[in-house]
Amino acid sequence: MRLIKIIFLLFVFCFNLSCNKEDNSSETSDLKDNNAVNTDSENESDAEIVNESSGDNSGLITITSGEVKLHIGDSLNIKGLVADVYLTDKVAYLNFENKFPKNIFSCAIFENKFSLFGDLSKYKNRKVEVTGKITTYKNKPQVILTSKDQIKILKN
């Protein structure tokens, strides 16, 4: 009887984990149809700005955006330059180090989370630190941002 309870609890735990995973492929769209976000605004009132050496790193390893491709599947802190911000009706992309399609890494924010982040143009041409699980979309590394706490602008 005890073994049956343990098996049942494992089943419930595994089922719960699989229900909480997001399917990235159904929510993302091709960047070629994106419109650039206006970057004239310097509104940073809702962005946290921290020194590179300070801030809560959640106990995770910190890497640079250039190292992201070596850590697919890992949850890490990633530091890098947001070279461009693209916005569609359904998803926004923060492209790191270069503009699309030469970017080496992206952060995706889906439309149901736009209001949490405010004006995304505040991240353009800024060094940031993002925290999250590195996945891929169309063979490029990405982190899906679901909380404003996952991204911090770093002081230069």
N, C-alpha and C. Protein backbone atom coordinates (compact mmCIF):
# COMPACT_ATOMS: atom_id res chain seq x y z
N MET A 1 0.83 -1.20 0.00
CA MET A 1 0.00 0.00 0.00
C MET A 1 0.87 1.26 0.00
N ARG A 2 1.95 1.21 0.74
CA ARG A 2 2.86 2.35 0.81
C ARG A 2 3.50 2.61 -0.55
N LEU A 3 3.86 1.55 -1.26
CA LEU A 3 4.44 1.68 -2.59
C LEU A 3 3.46 2.32 -3.56
N ILE A 4 2.20 1.99 -3.47
CA ILE A 4 1.18 2.56 -4.33
C ILE A 4 1.05 4.06 -4.06
N LYS A 5 1.09 4.46 -2.80
CA LYS A 5 1.02 5.88 -2.46
C LYS A 5 2.21 6.65 -3.04
N ILE A 6 3.39 6.06 -2.93
CA ILE A 6 4.59 6.71 -3.46
C ILE A 6 4.50 6.85 -4.98
N ILE A 7 4.07 5.82 -5.65
CA ILE A 7 3.92 5.86 -7.12
C ILE A 7 2.88 6.91 -7.50
N PHE A 8 1.78 6.96 -6.77
CA PHE A 8 0.75 7.95 -7.06
C PHE A 8 1.28 9.37 -6.89
N LEU A 9 2.01 9.62 -5.79
CA LEU A 9 2.58 10.95 -5.56
C LEU A 9 3.58 11.33 -6.65
N LEU A 10 4.40 10.39 -7.10
CA LEU A 10 5.33 10.66 -8.20
C LEU A 10 4.58 11.00 -9.48
N PHE A 11 3.52 10.26 -9.75
CA PHE A 11 2.72 10.53 -10.94
C PHE A 11 2.12 11.93 -10.89
N VAL A 12 1.55 12.31 -9.75
CA VAL A 12 0.95 13.65 -9.59
C VAL A 12 2.02 14.72 -9.75
N PHE A 13 3.19 14.53 -9.17
CA PHE A 13 4.28 15.49 -9.28
C PHE A 13 4.72 15.65 -10.73
N CYS A 14 4.93 14.54 -11.43
CA CYS A 14 5.36 14.61 -12.85
C CYS A 14 4.28 15.24 -13.71
N PHE A 15 3.04 14.90 -13.48
CA PHE A 15 1.95 15.47 -14.25
C PHE A 15 1.88 16.99 -14.05
N ASN A 16 2.03 17.42 -12.81
CA ASN A 16 2.00 18.85 -12.49
C ASN A 16 3.15 19.58 -13.18
N LEU A 17 4.34 19.01 -13.21
CA LEU A 17 5.47 19.63 -13.89
C LEU A 17 5.20 19.77 -15.38
N SER A 18 4.66 18.74 -16.00
CA SER A 18 4.43 18.79 -17.44
C SER A 18 3.32 19.78 -17.80
N CYS A 19 2.38 20.01 -16.91
CA CYS A 19 1.31 20.97 -17.18
C CYS A 19 1.79 22.41 -17.07
N ASN A 20 2.87 22.66 -16.35
CA ASN A 20 3.36 24.01 -16.15
C ASN A 20 4.33 24.47 -17.22
N LYS A 21 4.78 23.58 -18.09
CA LYS A 21 5.72 23.97 -19.15
C LYS A 21 4.99 24.73 -20.23
N GLU A 22 5.66 25.79 -20.77
CA GLU A 22 5.07 26.57 -21.85
C GLU A 22 5.53 26.00 -23.18
N ASP A 23 4.66 26.03 -24.17
CA ASP A 23 5.02 25.61 -25.51
C ASP A 23 5.42 26.86 -26.29
N ASN A 24 6.70 27.04 -26.48
CA ASN A 24 7.22 28.23 -27.14
C ASN A 24 6.85 28.29 -28.61
N SER A 25 6.77 27.15 -29.25
CA SER A 25 6.61 27.15 -30.70
C SER A 25 5.27 27.69 -31.16
N SER A 26 4.22 27.56 -30.38
CA SER A 26 2.92 28.03 -30.82
C SER A 26 2.73 29.52 -30.61
N GLU A 27 3.59 30.15 -29.77
CA GLU A 27 3.38 31.55 -29.45
C GLU A 27 4.34 32.50 -30.15
N THR A 28 5.41 31.99 -30.77
CA THR A 28 6.37 32.87 -31.39
C THR A 28 6.07 33.05 -32.86
N SER A 29 6.50 34.18 -33.41
CA SER A 29 6.30 34.45 -34.82
C SER A 29 7.59 34.91 -35.43
N ASP A 30 7.65 34.93 -36.73
CA ASP A 30 8.87 35.24 -37.44
C ASP A 30 9.24 36.70 -37.27
N LEU A 31 10.51 36.96 -37.01
CA LEU A 31 10.97 38.33 -36.78
C LEU A 31 10.94 39.18 -38.04
N LYS A 32 10.90 38.60 -39.21
CA LYS A 32 10.94 39.38 -40.44
C LYS A 32 9.77 40.32 -40.57
N ASP A 33 8.66 40.02 -39.92
CA ASP A 33 7.48 40.86 -40.01
C ASP A 33 7.37 41.84 -38.85
N ASN A 34 8.41 41.90 -38.02
CA ASN A 34 8.35 42.75 -36.82
C ASN A 34 8.55 44.22 -37.17
N ASN A 35 8.05 45.08 -36.31
CA ASN A 35 8.27 46.51 -36.41
C ASN A 35 9.18 46.92 -35.27
N ALA A 36 10.13 47.79 -35.54
CA ALA A 36 11.06 48.24 -34.50
C ALA A 36 10.32 49.11 -33.50
N VAL A 37 10.72 48.99 -32.24
CA VAL A 37 10.14 49.79 -31.18
C VAL A 37 10.82 51.15 -31.17
N ASN A 38 10.06 52.21 -30.97
CA ASN A 38 10.61 53.55 -30.89
C ASN A 38 11.54 53.65 -29.70
N THR A 39 12.77 54.16 -29.93
CA THR A 39 13.75 54.22 -28.85
C THR A 39 14.03 55.63 -28.39
N ASP A 40 13.24 56.62 -28.78
CA ASP A 40 13.48 57.99 -28.38
C ASP A 40 13.23 58.20 -26.89
N SER A 41 12.34 57.42 -26.31
CA SER A 41 11.99 57.59 -24.90
C SER A 41 13.10 57.02 -24.02
N GLU A 42 13.42 57.72 -22.96
CA GLU A 42 14.40 57.21 -22.01
C GLU A 42 13.72 56.97 -20.67
N ASN A 43 12.49 56.52 -20.72
CA ASN A 43 11.72 56.26 -19.51
C ASN A 43 12.23 54.99 -18.86
N GLU A 44 12.90 55.15 -17.74
CA GLU A 44 13.44 54.00 -17.02
C GLU A 44 12.82 53.87 -15.64
N SER A 45 11.72 54.57 -15.42
CA SER A 45 11.13 54.60 -14.09
C SER A 45 10.69 53.23 -13.61
N ASP A 46 10.34 52.34 -14.52
CA ASP A 46 9.89 51.03 -14.08
C ASP A 46 10.94 49.95 -14.30
N ALA A 47 12.18 50.34 -14.61
CA ALA A 47 13.26 49.38 -14.78
C ALA A 47 14.21 49.46 -13.60
N GLU A 48 14.63 48.32 -13.13
CA GLU A 48 15.60 48.30 -12.04
C GLU A 48 16.99 48.44 -12.64
N ILE A 49 17.76 49.39 -12.14
CA ILE A 49 19.12 49.61 -12.59
C ILE A 49 20.04 49.26 -11.44
N VAL A 50 21.00 48.35 -11.70
CA VAL A 50 21.89 47.88 -10.64
C VAL A 50 23.33 47.94 -11.12
N ASN A 51 24.26 48.00 -10.16
CA ASN A 51 25.67 47.88 -10.48
C ASN A 51 25.93 46.45 -10.93
N GLU A 52 26.92 46.28 -11.81
CA GLU A 52 27.23 44.93 -12.29
C GLU A 52 27.59 43.99 -11.17
N SER A 53 28.25 44.48 -10.16
CA SER A 53 28.71 43.61 -9.08
C SER A 53 27.67 43.44 -7.98
N SER A 54 26.56 44.17 -8.07
CA SER A 54 25.54 44.06 -7.02
C SER A 54 24.29 43.39 -7.57
N GLY A 55 23.29 43.31 -6.75
CA GLY A 55 22.02 42.72 -7.18
C GLY A 55 21.95 41.27 -6.77
N ASP A 56 20.74 40.75 -6.71
CA ASP A 56 20.52 39.36 -6.34
C ASP A 56 20.64 38.49 -7.58
N ASN A 57 21.63 37.63 -7.61
CA ASN A 57 21.83 36.75 -8.75
C ASN A 57 21.15 35.41 -8.55
N SER A 58 20.29 35.29 -7.57
CA SER A 58 19.49 34.09 -7.33
C SER A 58 20.33 32.84 -7.14
N GLY A 59 21.62 33.00 -6.80
CA GLY A 59 22.47 31.84 -6.61
C GLY A 59 22.81 31.11 -7.89
N LEU A 60 22.49 31.69 -9.03
CA LEU A 60 22.76 31.06 -10.32
C LEU A 60 24.09 31.52 -10.88
N ILE A 61 24.67 30.70 -11.73
CA ILE A 61 25.90 31.06 -12.44
C ILE A 61 25.58 32.18 -13.41
N THR A 62 26.52 33.11 -13.58
CA THR A 62 26.36 34.21 -14.52
C THR A 62 27.31 34.00 -15.70
N ILE A 63 26.76 34.11 -16.91
CA ILE A 63 27.55 33.97 -18.13
C ILE A 63 27.32 35.20 -19.00
N THR A 64 28.09 35.31 -20.07
CA THR A 64 27.87 36.39 -21.04
C THR A 64 26.96 35.87 -22.15
N SER A 65 26.38 36.80 -22.88
CA SER A 65 25.49 36.39 -23.97
C SER A 65 26.23 35.57 -25.03
N GLY A 66 27.52 35.76 -25.15
CA GLY A 66 28.31 34.97 -26.10
C GLY A 66 28.44 33.51 -25.72
N GLU A 67 28.22 33.19 -24.45
CA GLU A 67 28.34 31.81 -23.97
C GLU A 67 27.01 31.06 -23.94
N VAL A 68 25.93 31.75 -24.27
CA VAL A 68 24.59 31.18 -24.12
C VAL A 68 24.43 29.87 -24.90
N LYS A 69 24.94 29.82 -26.11
CA LYS A 69 24.74 28.63 -26.95
C LYS A 69 25.33 27.37 -26.33
N LEU A 70 26.22 27.51 -25.37
CA LEU A 70 26.84 26.36 -24.71
C LEU A 70 26.02 25.88 -23.50
N HIS A 71 24.92 26.57 -23.21
CA HIS A 71 24.16 26.29 -21.98
C HIS A 71 22.66 26.07 -22.24
N ILE A 72 22.30 25.54 -23.39
CA ILE A 72 20.90 25.27 -23.70
C ILE A 72 20.34 24.31 -22.64
N GLY A 73 19.20 24.67 -22.09
CA GLY A 73 18.56 23.84 -21.06
C GLY A 73 18.89 24.24 -19.65
N ASP A 74 19.89 25.12 -19.48
CA ASP A 74 20.29 25.55 -18.14
C ASP A 74 19.54 26.82 -17.73
N SER A 75 19.33 26.98 -16.45
CA SER A 75 18.79 28.22 -15.89
C SER A 75 19.95 29.01 -15.33
N LEU A 76 20.16 30.21 -15.89
CA LEU A 76 21.35 31.00 -15.57
C LEU A 76 21.03 32.48 -15.56
N ASN A 77 22.00 33.28 -15.11
CA ASN A 77 22.00 34.72 -15.31
C ASN A 77 22.84 34.98 -16.54
N ILE A 78 22.37 35.84 -17.44
CA ILE A 78 23.09 36.15 -18.67
C ILE A 78 23.25 37.66 -18.76
N LYS A 79 24.51 38.11 -18.92
CA LYS A 79 24.80 39.54 -19.09
C LYS A 79 25.12 39.79 -20.56
N GLY A 80 24.56 40.88 -21.08
CA GLY A 80 24.86 41.23 -22.45
C GLY A 80 24.22 42.54 -22.86
N LEU A 81 24.53 42.98 -24.06
CA LEU A 81 24.03 44.22 -24.61
C LEU A 81 22.79 43.96 -25.46
N VAL A 82 21.71 44.66 -25.15
CA VAL A 82 20.50 44.58 -25.97
C VAL A 82 20.74 45.51 -27.17
N ALA A 83 21.00 44.94 -28.32
CA ALA A 83 21.30 45.72 -29.51
C ALA A 83 20.05 46.24 -30.19
N ASP A 84 18.93 45.53 -30.02
CA ASP A 84 17.71 45.94 -30.70
C ASP A 84 16.50 45.36 -30.00
N VAL A 85 15.38 46.04 -30.14
CA VAL A 85 14.10 45.59 -29.60
C VAL A 85 13.10 45.55 -30.74
N TYR A 86 12.46 44.41 -30.94
CA TYR A 86 11.43 44.26 -31.97
C TYR A 86 10.11 43.89 -31.31
N LEU A 87 9.04 44.44 -31.83
CA LEU A 87 7.74 44.24 -31.21
C LEU A 87 6.71 43.88 -32.27
N THR A 88 5.94 42.83 -32.01
CA THR A 88 4.79 42.50 -32.84
C THR A 88 3.57 42.54 -31.93
N ASP A 89 2.42 42.23 -32.48
CA ASP A 89 1.21 42.19 -31.66
C ASP A 89 1.26 41.07 -30.63
N LYS A 90 1.99 40.00 -30.92
CA LYS A 90 1.97 38.83 -30.05
C LYS A 90 3.23 38.62 -29.22
N VAL A 91 4.36 39.16 -29.67
CA VAL A 91 5.61 38.90 -28.97
C VAL A 91 6.59 40.05 -29.19
N ALA A 92 7.40 40.30 -28.18
CA ALA A 92 8.50 41.28 -28.28
C ALA A 92 9.80 40.52 -28.13
N TYR A 93 10.81 40.97 -28.86
CA TYR A 93 12.13 40.34 -28.79
C TYR A 93 13.17 41.36 -28.38
N LEU A 94 13.99 41.01 -27.41
CA LEU A 94 15.18 41.78 -27.08
C LEU A 94 16.34 41.01 -27.70
N ASN A 95 16.95 41.57 -28.75
CA ASN A 95 18.02 40.90 -29.47
C ASN A 95 19.37 41.34 -28.93
N PHE A 96 20.21 40.39 -28.58
CA PHE A 96 21.48 40.67 -27.92
C PHE A 96 22.64 40.72 -28.91
N GLU A 97 23.53 41.69 -28.67
CA GLU A 97 24.80 41.93 -29.34
C GLU A 97 24.68 42.45 -30.77
N ASN A 98 23.70 41.99 -31.54
CA ASN A 98 23.47 42.46 -32.91
C ASN A 98 21.98 42.46 -33.20
N LYS A 99 21.60 43.22 -34.21
CA LYS A 99 20.21 43.21 -34.66
C LYS A 99 19.91 41.88 -35.35
N PHE A 100 18.63 41.50 -35.34
CA PHE A 100 18.19 40.33 -36.07
C PHE A 100 18.51 40.53 -37.55
N PRO A 101 19.01 39.57 -38.28
CA PRO A 101 19.16 38.15 -37.94
C PRO A 101 20.54 37.78 -37.40
N LYS A 102 21.41 38.75 -37.15
CA LYS A 102 22.76 38.45 -36.69
C LYS A 102 22.88 38.41 -35.18
N ASN A 103 21.74 38.53 -34.47
CA ASN A 103 21.76 38.44 -33.01
C ASN A 103 22.23 37.06 -32.59
N ILE A 104 22.87 37.00 -31.42
CA ILE A 104 23.36 35.70 -30.94
C ILE A 104 22.44 35.08 -29.90
N PHE A 105 21.48 35.88 -29.43
CA PHE A 105 20.62 35.44 -28.34
C PHE A 105 19.45 36.41 -28.27
N SER A 106 18.27 35.93 -27.86
CA SER A 106 17.09 36.79 -27.71
C SER A 106 16.35 36.48 -26.43
N CYS A 107 15.66 37.50 -25.93
CA CYS A 107 14.67 37.29 -24.88
C CYS A 107 13.31 37.56 -25.52
N ALA A 108 12.36 36.69 -25.26
CA ALA A 108 11.01 36.85 -25.80
C ALA A 108 10.06 37.19 -24.66
N ILE A 109 9.17 38.15 -24.94
CA ILE A 109 8.12 38.53 -24.00
C ILE A 109 6.81 38.44 -24.75
N PHE A 110 5.88 37.62 -24.28
CA PHE A 110 4.62 37.43 -24.98
C PHE A 110 3.60 38.49 -24.56
N GLU A 111 2.62 38.71 -25.44
CA GLU A 111 1.67 39.82 -25.29
C GLU A 111 0.96 39.84 -23.95
N ASN A 112 0.70 38.71 -23.36
CA ASN A 112 0.00 38.71 -22.07
C ASN A 112 0.88 39.21 -20.93
N LYS A 113 2.16 39.44 -21.19
CA LYS A 113 3.10 39.95 -20.17
C LYS A 113 3.61 41.35 -20.51
N PHE A 114 3.22 41.93 -21.65
CA PHE A 114 3.71 43.26 -22.06
C PHE A 114 3.55 44.30 -20.94
N SER A 115 2.39 44.32 -20.32
CA SER A 115 2.11 45.36 -19.33
C SER A 115 3.03 45.29 -18.12
N LEU A 116 3.61 44.14 -17.84
CA LEU A 116 4.51 44.00 -16.70
C LEU A 116 5.84 44.72 -16.92
N PHE A 117 6.23 44.88 -18.18
CA PHE A 117 7.56 45.40 -18.50
C PHE A 117 7.56 46.88 -18.89
N GLY A 118 6.41 47.43 -19.22
CA GLY A 118 6.36 48.84 -19.62
C GLY A 118 7.00 49.06 -20.98
N ASP A 119 7.58 50.22 -21.18
CA ASP A 119 8.20 50.61 -22.44
C ASP A 119 9.50 49.82 -22.64
N LEU A 120 9.48 48.88 -23.56
CA LEU A 120 10.63 48.00 -23.77
C LEU A 120 11.82 48.71 -24.40
N SER A 121 11.60 49.86 -24.99
CA SER A 121 12.71 50.58 -25.63
C SER A 121 13.76 51.02 -24.62
N LYS A 122 13.41 51.02 -23.34
CA LYS A 122 14.38 51.42 -22.31
C LYS A 122 15.57 50.45 -22.25
N TYR A 123 15.41 49.26 -22.81
CA TYR A 123 16.48 48.27 -22.79
C TYR A 123 17.43 48.37 -23.99
N LYS A 124 17.00 49.06 -25.04
CA LYS A 124 17.82 49.14 -26.25
C LYS A 124 19.13 49.87 -25.97
N ASN A 125 20.22 49.29 -26.48
CA ASN A 125 21.58 49.82 -26.32
C ASN A 125 22.02 49.89 -24.86
N ARG A 126 21.46 49.05 -24.04
CA ARG A 126 21.81 48.98 -22.62
C ARG A 126 22.36 47.60 -22.30
N LYS A 127 23.31 47.56 -21.38
CA LYS A 127 23.81 46.30 -20.87
C LYS A 127 22.84 45.84 -19.79
N VAL A 128 22.38 44.60 -19.89
CA VAL A 128 21.40 44.07 -18.95
C VAL A 128 21.85 42.71 -18.44
N GLU A 129 21.17 42.29 -17.39
CA GLU A 129 21.32 40.92 -16.90
C GLU A 129 19.93 40.31 -16.87
N VAL A 130 19.79 39.17 -17.53
CA VAL A 130 18.52 38.46 -17.53
C VAL A 130 18.72 37.12 -16.83
N THR A 131 17.65 36.64 -16.24
CA THR A 131 17.67 35.37 -15.53
C THR A 131 16.58 34.48 -16.10
N GLY A 132 16.92 33.25 -16.42
CA GLY A 132 15.91 32.33 -16.91
C GLY A 132 16.51 31.08 -17.51
N LYS A 133 15.63 30.22 -17.99
CA LYS A 133 16.04 28.97 -18.62
C LYS A 133 16.29 29.23 -20.10
N ILE A 134 17.43 28.77 -20.57
CA ILE A 134 17.81 28.96 -21.97
C ILE A 134 17.19 27.84 -22.80
N THR A 135 16.36 28.23 -23.75
CA THR A 135 15.76 27.30 -24.70
C THR A 135 16.18 27.73 -26.10
N THR A 136 15.64 27.10 -27.11
CA THR A 136 15.92 27.53 -28.48
C THR A 136 14.62 27.74 -29.23
N TYR A 137 14.69 28.63 -30.20
CA TYR A 137 13.60 28.83 -31.15
C TYR A 137 14.26 29.06 -32.50
N LYS A 138 13.90 28.23 -33.48
CA LYS A 138 14.52 28.28 -34.81
C LYS A 138 16.04 28.25 -34.71
N ASN A 139 16.53 27.33 -33.88
CA ASN A 139 17.96 27.09 -33.67
C ASN A 139 18.74 28.26 -33.09
N LYS A 140 18.05 29.21 -32.46
CA LYS A 140 18.73 30.32 -31.77
C LYS A 140 18.39 30.26 -30.29
N PRO A 141 19.37 30.54 -29.43
CA PRO A 141 19.10 30.54 -27.99
C PRO A 141 18.14 31.68 -27.61
N GLN A 142 17.28 31.39 -26.65
CA GLN A 142 16.36 32.41 -26.15
C GLN A 142 16.02 32.14 -24.70
N VAL A 143 15.59 33.19 -24.02
CA VAL A 143 15.00 33.08 -22.68
C VAL A 143 13.65 33.77 -22.77
N ILE A 144 12.63 33.12 -22.26
CA ILE A 144 11.30 33.72 -22.24
C ILE A 144 11.15 34.45 -20.91
N LEU A 145 10.87 35.74 -20.99
CA LEU A 145 10.70 36.56 -19.80
C LEU A 145 9.22 36.63 -19.44
N THR A 146 8.90 36.27 -18.22
CA THR A 146 7.51 36.29 -17.75
C THR A 146 7.34 37.23 -16.55
N SER A 147 8.44 37.76 -16.05
CA SER A 147 8.41 38.64 -14.89
C SER A 147 9.45 39.74 -15.05
N LYS A 148 9.10 40.93 -14.61
CA LYS A 148 10.03 42.07 -14.65
C LYS A 148 11.27 41.79 -13.80
N ASP A 149 11.14 40.92 -12.81
CA ASP A 149 12.27 40.56 -11.94
C ASP A 149 13.36 39.80 -12.69
N GLN A 150 13.06 39.31 -13.88
CA GLN A 150 14.03 38.54 -14.65
C GLN A 150 15.02 39.41 -15.43
N ILE A 151 14.83 40.72 -15.46
CA ILE A 151 15.72 41.57 -16.22
C ILE A 151 16.10 42.82 -15.42
N LYS A 152 17.38 43.15 -15.45
CA LYS A 152 17.89 44.32 -14.75
C LYS A 152 18.84 45.06 -15.69
N ILE A 153 18.70 46.37 -15.74
CA ILE A 153 19.65 47.20 -16.49
C ILE A 153 20.88 47.39 -15.61
N LEU A 154 22.06 47.16 -16.17
CA LEU A 154 23.30 47.30 -15.42
C LEU A 154 23.89 48.68 -15.64
N LYS A 155 24.44 49.25 -14.58
CA LYS A 155 25.15 50.53 -14.71
C LYS A 155 26.45 50.26 -15.43
N ASN A 156 26.79 51.13 -16.35
CA ASN A 156 28.04 50.92 -17.12
C ASN A 156 29.26 51.31 -16.37
